[in-house]
Amino acid sequence: MFQHAGTMTWILVYKNYPDAREAAALKDLFSWTLSNGQQEAPKLGYVPLPANVASKSLAALQSVQ
């Protein structure tokens, strides 16, 4: 039986991007991964993020410009 240690992966992003399209694409990608994409985690062998972690991450993502 395989057990995970329970650690999370960190993703660091800039708050400001000179290319607005790049910022929008990044926000779209991570908005999906932190919301609807969480449903895919178990199918891929991952544990979904706790709801409070996902919501705090989504809130922080809104500051990206």
Protein backbone atom coordinates (compact mmCIF):
# COMPACT_ATOMS: atom_id res chain seq x y z
CA MET A 1 0.00 0.00 0.00
CA PHE A 2 1.31 3.44 -0.96
CA GLN A 3 0.81 6.31 1.45
CA HIS A 4 1.38 9.98 0.85
CA ALA A 5 3.24 12.03 3.42
CA GLY A 6 0.56 14.72 3.25
CA THR A 7 2.67 17.53 1.87
CA MET A 8 1.49 20.13 -0.62
CA THR A 9 3.16 21.50 -3.70
CA TRP A 10 3.81 25.22 -3.73
CA ILE A 11 3.45 27.34 -6.84
CA LEU A 12 5.01 30.77 -6.86
CA VAL A 13 3.71 33.36 -9.31
CA TYR A 14 4.46 37.02 -9.84
CA LYS A 15 1.87 39.56 -8.76
CA ASN A 16 2.45 41.63 -11.89
CA TYR A 17 3.01 40.44 -15.46
CA PRO A 18 3.99 42.80 -18.28
CA ASP A 19 1.84 40.78 -20.70
CA ALA A 20 -1.86 40.93 -19.75
CA ARG A 21 -2.59 37.83 -21.86
CA GLU A 22 0.00 35.85 -19.92
CA ALA A 23 -1.51 36.97 -16.60
CA ALA A 24 -5.02 36.06 -17.80
CA ALA A 25 -3.91 32.62 -19.01
CA LEU A 26 -2.16 31.93 -15.71
CA LYS A 27 -5.20 33.01 -13.73
CA ASP A 28 -7.51 30.89 -15.90
CA LEU A 29 -5.32 27.81 -15.47
CA PHE A 30 -4.98 28.07 -11.71
CA SER A 31 -8.61 29.11 -11.23
CA TRP A 32 -9.63 25.85 -12.91
CA THR A 33 -7.11 23.73 -10.98
CA LEU A 34 -8.28 25.20 -7.68
CA SER A 35 -11.99 24.73 -8.45
CA ASN A 36 -13.33 22.24 -11.01
CA GLY A 37 -9.93 20.65 -11.49
CA GLN A 38 -10.00 19.38 -7.91
CA GLN A 39 -12.53 16.76 -9.04
CA GLU A 40 -9.83 15.24 -11.27
CA ALA A 41 -7.32 14.77 -8.43
CA PRO A 42 -8.52 11.35 -7.18
CA LYS A 43 -8.61 9.95 -10.74
CA LEU A 44 -4.93 10.91 -11.08
CA GLY A 45 -3.89 9.49 -7.71
CA TYR A 46 -3.86 12.79 -5.82
CA VAL A 47 -5.82 14.02 -2.83
CA PRO A 48 -7.91 17.15 -3.45
CA LEU A 49 -6.93 20.26 -1.54
CA PRO A 50 -8.94 21.07 1.57
CA ALA A 51 -11.69 23.56 0.70
CA ASN A 52 -10.20 26.30 2.90
CA VAL A 53 -6.80 25.99 1.19
CA ALA A 54 -8.36 26.11 -2.28
CA SER A 55 -10.49 29.16 -1.40
CA LYS A 56 -7.53 31.06 0.12
CA SER A 57 -5.45 30.23 -2.95
CA LEU A 58 -8.22 31.45 -5.27
CA ALA A 59 -8.44 34.68 -3.28
CA ALA A 60 -4.66 35.21 -3.53
CA LEU A 61 -4.80 34.50 -7.25
CA GLN A 62 -7.10 37.49 -7.71
CA SER A 63 -4.22 39.83 -6.86
CA VAL A 64 -2.29 38.72 -9.98
CA GLN A 65 -2.35 41.42 -12.68
